[in-house]
């Protein structure tokens, strides 16, 4: 029986990162993946969907009439769009394969073995592998990292066939742009695909939202802009609607909605996308054999990536903490570091995220809505993109920065939201300062390149200190600097 220091089950972002970190410690590592390196984060997640989004943004820019040129004869073919998306996925997957193949032969320290197959626990240190070629192998591992990711959540009353009624796993299987598409779920994934298909302009999009507004976990000023832009792009948002039924009829989709006022509506579209979250993917792993505990959400219970079985770790979507690629990678690395060193516990207060909407949204830390719900006083500065030179030059004026700090002399940074062009490139410094527990003065003193979008971050910090170049009193509709106590706003500075 072959023996290993670390067995990593799952070759997605979390598992791949864990395996690479194991080599750093000079350990003998086996990485087991049942399908393709990269996992859902690569094949049907972040990379593929964001490639779709980037291509749709190209189409939007080509159609603009305010840039001194007018495009004509623009044609779009869905199979060609999908081909480019798949090319992006192949490029990244090939990079991962090349590295694994190289390290299997040339690792500087430690050793790596990659096996394509399905792994399951026999005991907490014995693992059976059903290989893709048909034979079975049993190995011994001192430590194991469960990094098997997640799959789209399915609802029992909706007959998903991945042809007409699909999840995000099958969005690239259409042979043409649907004439009409309904999306169930107005969270990040649902809103991103509503943005993508409406940007291409070939599909009438409907979005079913049970809540009073989309993106209910975010502040209203962000959700309202996104919703307004979706509707301006031709999307119909079924606000406050409950899905009574959805079924396939004559190769189309019929869905019935009900409302609190008693109304009932029947709609018919060509395709449906069910986007109601994801569930951990550990069926068949044999967790019950070794006594792994699950939490009340059906995910693996962990303490800083360590399960109740001390030599078994769970990372990424298997724990259902925060389903982001960057978090998965951090957790995968951290689990290995816990095995062989004494790292500080992971913190999630400074986790950065991007929402590929219209416009792009980047976030880090807490938002206003959360602080208000908890009754925590805070101060906030907000600056519109229309005052930022780079945004003016780009002719992309829609958006804003918002920095939230503690309501005391330290003005410790609690969170930030950026909405607009290049938003995702603006949050790294804030994430670091949150991690370090620093105040807003550190941010105000940074030197930013000019012209850059990040200058808006600096100006927000200066506003909170009462020394901004752009004065709130001169641009009352575009600048805001308030303190909020008991959900009551009070203007901070007159100038």
Protein backbone atom coordinates (compact mmCIF):
# COMPACT_ATOMS: atom_id res chain seq x y z
CA UNK A 1 0.00 0.00 0.00
CA UNK A 2 1.44 3.33 -1.09
CA UNK A 3 1.81 5.86 1.74
CA UNK A 4 1.49 9.65 1.49
CA UNK A 5 1.84 12.60 3.81
CA UNK A 6 -1.12 14.39 2.25
CA UNK A 7 -4.04 13.16 0.16
CA UNK A 8 -6.03 15.90 -1.54
CA UNK A 9 -9.44 14.89 -2.84
CA UNK A 10 -10.56 17.28 -5.55
CA UNK A 11 -8.55 19.21 -8.13
CA UNK A 12 -10.46 22.48 -8.14
CA UNK A 13 -9.07 25.79 -6.82
CA UNK A 14 -8.96 24.65 -3.17
CA UNK A 15 -7.48 21.21 -3.82
CA UNK A 16 -4.94 22.38 -6.37
CA UNK A 17 -3.73 25.11 -4.00
CA UNK A 18 -3.49 22.63 -1.12
CA UNK A 19 -1.42 20.20 -3.20
CA UNK A 20 1.00 22.94 -4.27
CA UNK A 21 1.39 24.11 -0.67
CA UNK A 22 2.14 20.56 0.40
CA UNK A 23 5.11 20.53 -1.96
CA UNK A 24 6.42 23.70 -0.31
CA UNK A 25 6.70 21.72 2.92
CA UNK A 26 8.58 18.92 1.14
CA UNK A 27 5.75 16.42 1.59
CA UNK A 28 4.67 13.43 -0.45
CA UNK A 29 1.33 14.48 -1.96
CA UNK A 30 -1.33 12.66 -3.96
CA UNK A 31 -3.98 14.74 -5.76
CA UNK A 32 -7.14 12.90 -6.83
CA UNK A 33 -9.67 14.39 -9.26
CA UNK A 34 -12.57 12.48 -10.78
CA UNK A 35 -13.10 14.74 -13.82
CA UNK A 36 -10.90 17.66 -14.87
CA UNK A 37 -8.28 19.75 -13.12
CA UNK A 38 -9.69 23.14 -12.28
CA UNK A 39 -13.07 21.94 -11.06
CA UNK A 40 -16.29 23.91 -11.43
CA UNK A 41 -14.47 27.17 -10.70
CA UNK A 42 -12.71 26.78 -14.02
CA UNK A 43 -15.12 24.85 -16.24
CA UNK A 44 -18.56 26.13 -15.25
CA UNK A 45 -17.80 28.91 -12.81
CA UNK A 46 -15.63 31.95 -12.40
CA UNK A 47 -13.44 31.71 -15.50
CA UNK A 48 -16.08 30.61 -17.98
CA UNK A 49 -18.83 32.95 -16.81
CA UNK A 50 -16.46 35.91 -16.61
CA UNK A 51 -15.22 35.23 -20.13
CA UNK A 52 -18.87 35.35 -21.21
CA UNK A 53 -19.20 38.68 -19.35
CA UNK A 54 -16.08 40.19 -20.91
CA UNK A 55 -17.30 39.28 -24.40
CA UNK A 56 -20.71 40.77 -23.65
CA UNK A 57 -19.01 43.98 -22.49
CA UNK A 58 -17.21 44.14 -25.85
CA UNK A 59 -20.60 44.04 -27.54
CA UNK A 60 -21.98 46.81 -25.33
CA UNK A 61 -18.96 49.02 -26.07
CA UNK A 62 -19.23 48.34 -29.80
CA UNK A 63 -22.84 49.50 -29.76
CA UNK A 64 -22.17 52.76 -27.92
CA UNK A 65 -23.00 55.92 -29.81
CA UNK A 66 -20.98 58.41 -27.75
CA UNK A 67 -17.42 57.47 -28.67
CA UNK A 68 -16.98 59.20 -32.00
CA UNK A 69 -17.64 56.09 -34.08
CA UNK A 70 -20.66 54.06 -35.12
CA UNK A 71 -20.44 50.32 -35.67
CA UNK A 72 -22.53 48.70 -38.37
CA UNK A 73 -23.28 45.15 -39.39
CA UNK A 74 -22.49 43.66 -35.99
CA UNK A 75 -23.38 39.95 -35.99
CA UNK A 76 -23.29 37.51 -33.09
CA UNK A 77 -23.33 33.72 -33.15
CA UNK A 78 -23.68 31.87 -29.86
CA UNK A 79 -21.57 28.84 -30.88
CA UNK A 80 -18.70 31.19 -31.74
CA UNK A 81 -19.04 32.96 -28.38
CA UNK A 82 -19.01 29.59 -26.61
CA UNK A 83 -15.95 28.54 -28.60
CA UNK A 84 -14.00 31.53 -27.27
CA UNK A 85 -15.14 30.78 -23.71
CA UNK A 86 -14.06 27.17 -24.05
CA UNK A 87 -10.74 28.26 -25.48
CA UNK A 88 -10.12 30.35 -22.35
CA UNK A 89 -10.97 27.35 -20.17
CA UNK A 90 -8.67 25.06 -22.19
CA UNK A 91 -5.79 27.50 -21.88
CA UNK A 92 -6.00 27.63 -18.10
CA UNK A 93 -6.59 23.89 -17.74
CA UNK A 94 -3.57 23.20 -19.92
CA UNK A 95 -1.43 25.43 -17.71
CA UNK A 96 -2.51 23.41 -14.67
CA UNK A 97 -1.87 20.11 -16.45
CA UNK A 98 1.58 21.22 -17.60
CA UNK A 99 2.54 22.20 -14.06
CA UNK A 100 1.30 18.92 -12.58
CA UNK A 101 3.11 16.88 -15.24
CA UNK A 102 6.31 18.84 -14.66
CA UNK A 103 6.14 18.54 -10.87
CA UNK A 104 5.47 14.80 -11.01
CA UNK A 105 8.87 14.46 -12.66
CA UNK A 106 10.83 17.45 -11.37
CA UNK A 107 9.57 18.57 -7.96
CA UNK A 108 12.36 20.44 -6.16
CA UNK A 109 11.14 19.27 -2.77
CA UNK A 110 8.49 16.76 -1.87
CA UNK A 111 6.74 14.69 -4.51
CA UNK A 112 3.44 14.90 -6.37
CA UNK A 113 1.27 12.20 -7.89
CA UNK A 114 -1.89 13.02 -9.81
CA UNK A 115 -4.59 10.36 -10.17
CA UNK A 116 -7.77 10.65 -12.16
CA UNK A 117 -10.43 8.78 -10.24
CA UNK A 118 -13.04 8.80 -7.48
CA UNK A 119 -11.85 8.69 -3.87
CA UNK A 120 -13.70 7.47 -0.80
CA UNK A 121 -12.74 6.88 2.84
CA UNK A 122 -12.25 3.38 4.23
CA UNK A 123 -10.86 4.76 7.50
CA UNK A 124 -9.65 8.23 8.35
CA UNK A 125 -6.20 7.27 7.02
CA UNK A 126 -7.07 4.70 4.34
CA UNK A 127 -8.60 5.86 1.06
CA UNK A 128 -9.87 3.85 -1.86
CA UNK A 129 -9.47 5.20 -5.40
CA UNK A 130 -11.65 3.98 -8.25
CA UNK A 131 -9.48 4.98 -11.18
CA UNK A 132 -10.85 6.24 -14.47
CA UNK A 133 -9.26 3.28 -16.28
CA UNK A 134 -11.35 0.89 -14.20
CA UNK A 135 -9.03 -0.55 -11.56
CA UNK A 136 -9.04 0.19 -7.82
CA UNK A 137 -6.22 1.21 -5.49
CA UNK A 138 -6.05 1.71 -1.73
CA UNK A 139 -3.62 4.22 -0.25
CA UNK A 140 -2.58 5.40 3.22
CA UNK A 141 -2.50 9.14 3.98
CA UNK A 142 -1.38 10.78 7.20
CA UNK A 143 -3.56 13.81 6.40
CA UNK A 144 -6.44 14.32 3.96
CA UNK A 145 -7.91 17.49 2.52
CA UNK A 146 -11.50 17.28 1.26
CA UNK A 147 -11.82 19.78 -1.58
CA UNK A 148 -14.60 18.31 -3.69
CA UNK A 149 -16.37 21.60 -4.41
CA UNK A 150 -20.06 22.08 -5.07
CA UNK A 151 -22.77 21.57 -7.67
CA UNK A 152 -25.77 23.72 -8.62
CA UNK A 153 -28.69 23.33 -6.26
CA UNK A 154 -31.69 21.54 -7.79
CA UNK A 155 -35.26 22.02 -6.66
CA UNK A 156 -37.43 18.89 -6.44
CA UNK A 157 -40.41 20.39 -8.28
CA UNK A 158 -38.44 21.68 -11.29
CA UNK A 159 -37.59 19.09 -13.98
CA UNK A 160 -34.06 20.18 -14.89
CA UNK A 161 -33.00 18.36 -18.06
CA UNK A 162 -29.90 20.49 -18.88
CA UNK A 163 -31.39 21.06 -22.34
CA UNK A 164 -34.37 23.38 -21.99
CA UNK A 165 -34.36 23.88 -18.23
CA UNK A 166 -30.71 24.15 -17.27
CA UNK A 167 -28.28 25.02 -14.50
CA UNK A 168 -25.10 27.02 -15.02
CA UNK A 169 -23.36 23.72 -15.88
CA UNK A 170 -25.16 23.62 -19.23
CA UNK A 171 -25.29 27.29 -20.19
CA UNK A 172 -22.63 26.67 -22.84
CA UNK A 173 -24.54 23.84 -24.55
CA UNK A 174 -27.07 26.01 -26.41
CA UNK A 175 -26.63 25.91 -30.19
CA UNK A 176 -27.97 29.46 -30.61
CA UNK A 177 -28.90 32.52 -28.59
CA UNK A 178 -32.29 31.76 -27.03
CA UNK A 179 -34.96 34.18 -28.16
CA UNK A 180 -36.14 34.29 -24.55
CA UNK A 181 -34.69 33.12 -21.22
CA UNK A 182 -36.09 33.12 -17.70
CA UNK A 183 -33.65 33.05 -14.79
CA UNK A 184 -34.83 31.75 -11.43
CA UNK A 185 -32.81 33.40 -8.67
CA UNK A 186 -31.74 37.03 -8.33
CA UNK A 187 -28.51 36.45 -6.43
CA UNK A 188 -25.07 37.06 -7.88
CA UNK A 189 -25.04 34.22 -10.42
CA UNK A 190 -28.56 34.92 -11.64
CA UNK A 191 -27.91 38.65 -11.99
CA UNK A 192 -24.59 38.02 -13.74
CA UNK A 193 -26.20 35.83 -16.40
CA UNK A 194 -29.07 38.31 -16.77
CA UNK A 195 -26.41 40.96 -17.40
CA UNK A 196 -24.52 38.77 -19.88
CA UNK A 197 -27.48 37.76 -22.04
CA UNK A 198 -29.04 41.22 -22.01
CA UNK A 199 -25.68 42.73 -23.02
CA UNK A 200 -25.49 40.48 -26.07
CA UNK A 201 -28.90 41.84 -27.03
CA UNK A 202 -30.13 38.66 -28.73
CA UNK A 203 -32.29 37.33 -25.89
CA UNK A 204 -35.31 38.67 -24.04
CA UNK A 205 -34.45 38.03 -20.39
CA UNK A 206 -36.82 37.55 -17.45
CA UNK A 207 -35.57 37.44 -13.86
CA UNK A 208 -37.66 35.92 -11.07
CA UNK A 209 -37.04 37.59 -7.71
CA UNK A 210 -38.96 36.54 -4.60
CA UNK A 211 -37.57 39.46 -2.59
CA UNK A 212 -38.67 43.09 -2.96
CA UNK A 213 -35.37 43.79 -4.76
CA UNK A 214 -32.52 41.91 -6.37
CA UNK A 215 -29.22 41.28 -4.53
CA UNK A 216 -30.95 41.44 -1.11
CA UNK A 217 -27.65 40.92 0.74
CA UNK A 218 -26.21 44.17 -0.66
CA UNK A 219 -26.94 47.81 0.08
CA UNK A 220 -29.92 49.29 -1.70
CA UNK A 221 -27.88 51.90 -3.56
CA UNK A 222 -26.01 49.11 -5.36
CA UNK A 223 -29.02 46.87 -5.97
CA UNK A 224 -31.11 49.76 -7.31
CA UNK A 225 -28.50 50.77 -9.90
CA UNK A 226 -28.04 47.17 -11.07
CA UNK A 227 -31.81 46.65 -11.33
CA UNK A 228 -32.29 49.93 -13.19
CA UNK A 229 -29.57 49.03 -15.68
CA UNK A 230 -30.96 45.55 -16.23
CA UNK A 231 -34.39 46.98 -16.96
CA UNK A 232 -32.88 49.62 -19.27
CA UNK A 233 -31.20 46.74 -21.08
CA UNK A 234 -34.57 45.08 -21.68
CA UNK A 235 -34.67 42.69 -18.72
CA UNK A 236 -38.06 42.12 -17.08
CA UNK A 237 -37.66 41.65 -13.33
CA UNK A 238 -40.56 39.78 -11.73
CA UNK A 239 -40.32 41.52 -8.34
CA UNK A 240 -41.84 39.84 -5.30
CA UNK A 241 -42.88 36.85 -7.40
CA UNK A 242 -43.20 33.29 -6.16
CA UNK A 243 -42.71 30.46 -8.60
CA UNK A 244 -45.75 28.19 -8.56
CA UNK A 245 -44.54 25.83 -11.26
CA UNK A 246 -42.03 25.47 -14.06
CA UNK A 247 -42.21 22.75 -16.68
CA UNK A 248 -41.13 21.85 -20.18
CA UNK A 249 -43.89 22.17 -22.77
CA UNK A 250 -43.29 21.52 -26.49
CA UNK A 251 -39.51 22.13 -26.13
CA UNK A 252 -40.18 25.42 -24.37
CA UNK A 253 -40.61 26.46 -20.75
CA UNK A 254 -43.89 27.40 -19.14
CA UNK A 255 -43.73 29.00 -15.71
CA UNK A 256 -46.45 30.31 -13.43
CA UNK A 257 -45.91 33.09 -10.90
CA UNK A 258 -48.02 34.15 -7.95
CA UNK A 259 -47.95 37.42 -6.01
CA UNK A 260 -48.99 38.50 -2.53
CA UNK A 261 -51.94 40.46 -3.95
CA UNK A 262 -53.42 37.26 -5.40
CA UNK A 263 -52.33 37.75 -9.00
CA UNK A 264 -51.22 34.77 -11.04
CA UNK A 265 -49.26 35.02 -14.28
CA UNK A 266 -48.36 32.40 -16.85
CA UNK A 267 -45.34 32.95 -19.08
CA UNK A 268 -43.69 30.97 -21.85
CA UNK A 269 -40.05 31.24 -22.90
CA UNK A 270 -37.53 29.25 -24.92
CA UNK A 271 -35.09 28.40 -22.12
CA UNK A 272 -34.83 28.56 -18.34
CA UNK A 273 -31.78 28.89 -16.09
CA UNK A 274 -32.20 27.73 -12.49
CA UNK A 275 -29.76 29.65 -10.31
CA UNK A 276 -30.69 29.11 -6.67
CA UNK A 277 -27.29 28.51 -5.10
CA UNK A 278 -24.92 25.58 -4.85
CA UNK A 279 -24.64 22.56 -2.55
CA UNK A 280 -21.50 20.79 -1.30
CA UNK A 281 -20.43 17.89 -3.45
CA UNK A 282 -19.32 15.00 -1.23
CA UNK A 283 -21.76 12.22 -2.10
CA UNK A 284 -20.05 8.83 -2.05
CA UNK A 285 -16.97 10.02 -0.14
CA UNK A 286 -17.85 7.83 2.82
CA UNK A 287 -17.90 10.65 5.36
CA UNK A 288 -20.28 8.66 7.54
CA UNK A 289 -17.74 5.82 7.77
CA UNK A 290 -15.25 8.01 9.60
CA UNK A 291 -17.77 10.12 11.52
CA UNK A 292 -17.34 13.49 9.82
CA UNK A 293 -19.85 15.93 11.29
CA UNK A 294 -22.08 18.11 9.10
CA UNK A 295 -23.55 21.47 10.09
CA UNK A 296 -27.20 22.52 9.96
CA UNK A 297 -26.77 23.60 6.31
CA UNK A 298 -25.66 20.14 5.24
CA UNK A 299 -22.03 21.18 4.75
CA UNK A 300 -18.97 19.81 6.52
CA UNK A 301 -18.49 21.31 9.97
CA UNK A 302 -14.98 22.71 10.37
CA UNK A 303 -12.91 24.71 12.80
CA UNK A 304 -10.48 26.84 10.82
CA UNK A 305 -10.53 24.17 8.03
CA UNK A 306 -10.07 21.23 10.47
CA UNK A 307 -12.95 18.77 10.85
CA UNK A 308 -13.87 16.85 13.99
CA UNK A 309 -11.56 14.11 12.67
CA UNK A 310 -8.25 15.78 13.47
CA UNK A 311 -6.26 14.55 10.46
CA UNK A 312 -9.03 15.39 7.96
CA UNK A 313 -9.55 18.92 6.66
CA UNK A 314 -12.37 20.45 4.60
CA UNK A 315 -11.90 23.49 2.38
CA UNK A 316 -13.65 25.49 -0.31
CA UNK A 317 -17.32 24.94 -1.09
CA UNK A 318 -17.52 21.75 1.00
CA UNK A 319 -17.89 23.90 4.11
CA UNK A 320 -20.26 26.42 2.47
CA UNK A 321 -18.63 29.38 4.22
CA UNK A 322 -17.99 31.74 1.32
CA UNK A 323 -18.17 30.19 -2.15
CA UNK A 324 -15.40 32.15 -3.87
CA UNK A 325 -12.34 30.90 -5.73
CA UNK A 326 -9.96 33.16 -3.79
CA UNK A 327 -11.38 31.94 -0.48
CA UNK A 328 -11.09 28.32 -1.63
CA UNK A 329 -7.43 28.78 -2.50
CA UNK A 330 -6.67 30.49 0.80
CA UNK A 331 -8.41 27.73 2.76
CA UNK A 332 -6.61 24.99 0.81
CA UNK A 333 -3.23 26.51 1.57
CA UNK A 334 -4.17 27.21 5.18
CA UNK A 335 -5.20 23.61 5.83
CA UNK A 336 -1.74 22.37 4.83
CA UNK A 337 -0.07 25.10 6.87
CA UNK A 338 -2.04 23.92 9.93
CA UNK A 339 -0.66 20.42 9.43
CA UNK A 340 2.99 21.47 9.57
CA UNK A 341 3.18 24.90 11.20
CA UNK A 342 1.23 27.15 13.53
CA UNK A 343 -0.44 29.80 11.37
CA UNK A 344 -2.80 32.48 12.62
CA UNK A 345 -6.47 31.50 12.23
CA UNK A 346 -8.11 32.55 9.00
CA UNK A 347 -10.16 35.72 9.10
CA UNK A 348 -12.91 36.53 6.64
CA UNK A 349 -13.52 40.19 7.44
CA UNK A 350 -11.29 41.33 4.58
CA UNK A 351 -12.42 38.89 1.88
CA UNK A 352 -12.71 40.66 -1.46
CA UNK A 353 -15.33 39.79 -4.06
CA UNK A 354 -16.33 40.94 -7.53
CA UNK A 355 -19.82 40.88 -9.04
CA UNK A 356 -19.74 41.03 -12.83
CA UNK A 357 -22.84 43.11 -13.35
CA UNK A 358 -23.62 46.35 -15.13
CA UNK A 359 -21.60 48.11 -13.90
CA UNK A 360 -18.99 45.93 -12.20
CA UNK A 361 -19.23 45.78 -8.39
CA UNK A 362 -16.37 45.06 -5.98
CA UNK A 363 -16.75 44.57 -2.25
CA UNK A 364 -14.68 44.00 0.85
CA UNK A 365 -15.71 43.95 4.50
CA UNK A 366 -19.17 44.81 5.80
CA UNK A 367 -21.78 46.99 4.13
CA UNK A 368 -24.14 49.59 5.55
CA UNK A 369 -27.10 47.23 5.59
CA UNK A 370 -25.32 44.78 7.88
CA UNK A 371 -24.19 47.48 10.31
CA UNK A 372 -27.68 48.96 10.47
CA UNK A 373 -29.21 45.55 11.15
CA UNK A 374 -26.74 45.06 14.01
CA UNK A 375 -27.22 48.59 15.34
CA UNK A 376 -23.51 49.44 14.99
CA UNK A 377 -22.72 53.16 14.51
CA UNK A 378 -20.46 54.01 11.59
CA UNK A 379 -19.26 56.74 9.29
CA UNK A 380 -19.41 56.60 5.52
CA UNK A 381 -18.01 58.59 2.61
CA UNK A 382 -19.29 58.17 -0.92
CA UNK A 383 -17.99 59.68 -4.15
CA UNK A 384 -19.56 59.40 -7.61
CA UNK A 385 -17.48 58.25 -10.56
CA UNK A 386 -18.50 61.37 -12.46
CA UNK A 387 -15.98 63.37 -10.37
CA UNK A 388 -13.03 61.04 -11.09
CA UNK A 389 -10.75 62.06 -13.95
CA UNK A 390 -10.11 58.55 -15.24
CA UNK A 391 -13.83 57.79 -15.38
CA UNK A 392 -14.37 61.06 -17.23
CA UNK A 393 -11.67 60.12 -19.74
CA UNK A 394 -13.14 56.65 -20.21
CA UNK A 395 -16.63 58.13 -20.66
CA UNK A 396 -17.85 55.69 -18.02
CA UNK A 397 -19.38 57.97 -15.43
CA UNK A 398 -21.82 55.65 -13.71
CA UNK A 399 -20.72 54.30 -10.37
CA UNK A 400 -19.41 55.29 -6.97
CA UNK A 401 -16.97 54.52 -4.18
CA UNK A 402 -18.15 54.03 -0.63
CA UNK A 403 -15.85 53.61 2.37
CA UNK A 404 -17.28 52.66 5.76
CA UNK A 405 -15.36 53.22 9.00
CA UNK A 406 -15.96 52.97 12.74
CA UNK A 407 -17.67 55.87 14.45
CA UNK A 408 -14.76 56.92 16.67
CA UNK A 409 -11.47 58.78 16.52
CA UNK A 410 -9.63 55.75 15.10
CA UNK A 411 -12.01 55.50 12.14
CA UNK A 412 -11.01 51.88 11.60
CA UNK A 413 -11.90 50.71 8.09
CA UNK A 414 -14.85 48.31 8.21
CA UNK A 415 -15.71 47.93 4.56
CA UNK A 416 -15.78 49.34 1.07
CA UNK A 417 -17.97 49.08 -2.01
CA UNK A 418 -16.88 50.12 -5.49
CA UNK A 419 -19.31 50.19 -8.39
CA UNK A 420 -18.17 51.11 -11.89
CA UNK A 421 -15.40 50.59 -14.43
CA UNK A 422 -12.23 48.99 -13.01
CA UNK A 423 -13.97 48.53 -9.65
CA UNK A 424 -12.19 45.24 -9.03
CA UNK A 425 -8.77 46.91 -9.20
CA UNK A 426 -9.53 49.33 -6.37
CA UNK A 427 -10.10 47.18 -3.28
CA UNK A 428 -6.75 45.49 -2.58
CA UNK A 429 -5.32 48.26 -0.40
CA UNK A 430 -8.53 48.45 1.62
CA UNK A 431 -8.53 44.68 2.10
CA UNK A 432 -4.98 44.85 3.47
CA UNK A 433 -5.80 47.72 5.83
CA UNK A 434 -8.84 45.86 7.18
CA UNK A 435 -6.61 42.84 7.77
CA UNK A 436 -4.11 45.03 9.64
CA UNK A 437 -6.83 46.79 11.61
CA UNK A 438 -5.73 50.19 10.33
CA UNK A 439 -7.64 53.46 10.19
CA UNK A 440 -8.66 55.55 7.24
CA UNK A 441 -5.73 57.96 7.62
CA UNK A 442 -3.38 55.31 6.22
CA UNK A 443 -5.53 55.16 3.11
CA UNK A 444 -5.68 58.93 2.72
CA UNK A 445 -1.89 59.21 2.66
CA UNK A 446 -1.29 56.67 -0.12
CA UNK A 447 -0.02 58.09 -3.40
CA UNK A 448 -2.10 56.98 -6.36
CA UNK A 449 -1.16 57.18 -10.05
CA UNK A 450 -2.95 59.82 -12.09
CA UNK A 451 -5.33 59.52 -13.74
CA UNK A 452 -6.63 56.35 -12.13
CA UNK A 453 -9.92 55.12 -10.79
CA UNK A 454 -8.31 54.47 -7.39
CA UNK A 455 -7.99 58.21 -6.79
CA UNK A 456 -11.66 58.05 -5.81
CA UNK A 457 -10.73 55.77 -2.91
CA UNK A 458 -8.23 58.31 -1.64
CA UNK A 459 -10.71 61.14 -1.93
CA UNK A 460 -13.29 59.22 0.10
CA UNK A 461 -10.69 58.72 2.82
CA UNK A 462 -9.88 62.43 2.77
CA UNK A 463 -13.58 63.27 3.08
CA UNK A 464 -13.81 61.22 6.26
CA UNK A 465 -10.88 63.24 7.63
CA UNK A 466 -12.46 66.54 6.59
CA UNK A 467 -9.73 67.45 4.09
CA UNK A 468 -10.94 66.36 0.66
CA UNK A 469 -10.13 68.27 -2.53
CA UNK A 470 -13.72 67.89 -3.76
CA UNK A 471 -16.00 69.42 -1.14
CA UNK A 472 -19.32 67.76 -0.28
CA UNK A 473 -21.02 71.15 0.01
CA UNK A 474 -20.20 71.93 -3.63
CA UNK A 475 -21.37 68.59 -5.00
CA UNK A 476 -24.17 67.62 -2.66
CA UNK A 477 -25.66 65.09 -5.10
CA UNK A 478 -22.34 63.44 -5.86
CA UNK A 479 -20.50 63.45 -2.54
CA UNK A 480 -21.71 62.18 0.80
CA UNK A 481 -20.00 62.11 4.18
CA UNK A 482 -22.24 61.05 7.07
CA UNK A 483 -22.22 59.33 10.40
CA UNK A 484 -25.05 56.87 11.07
CA UNK A 485 -26.25 56.20 14.61
CA UNK A 486 -29.46 54.27 15.30
CA UNK A 487 -30.09 54.37 11.55
CA UNK A 488 -30.17 58.19 11.61
CA UNK A 489 -27.81 60.05 9.25
CA UNK A 490 -25.94 63.15 10.33
CA UNK A 491 -23.76 65.15 7.93
CA UNK A 492 -20.15 65.23 9.10
CA UNK A 493 -18.61 68.21 7.33
CA UNK A 494 -20.02 71.39 5.88
CA UNK A 495 -17.10 71.86 3.48
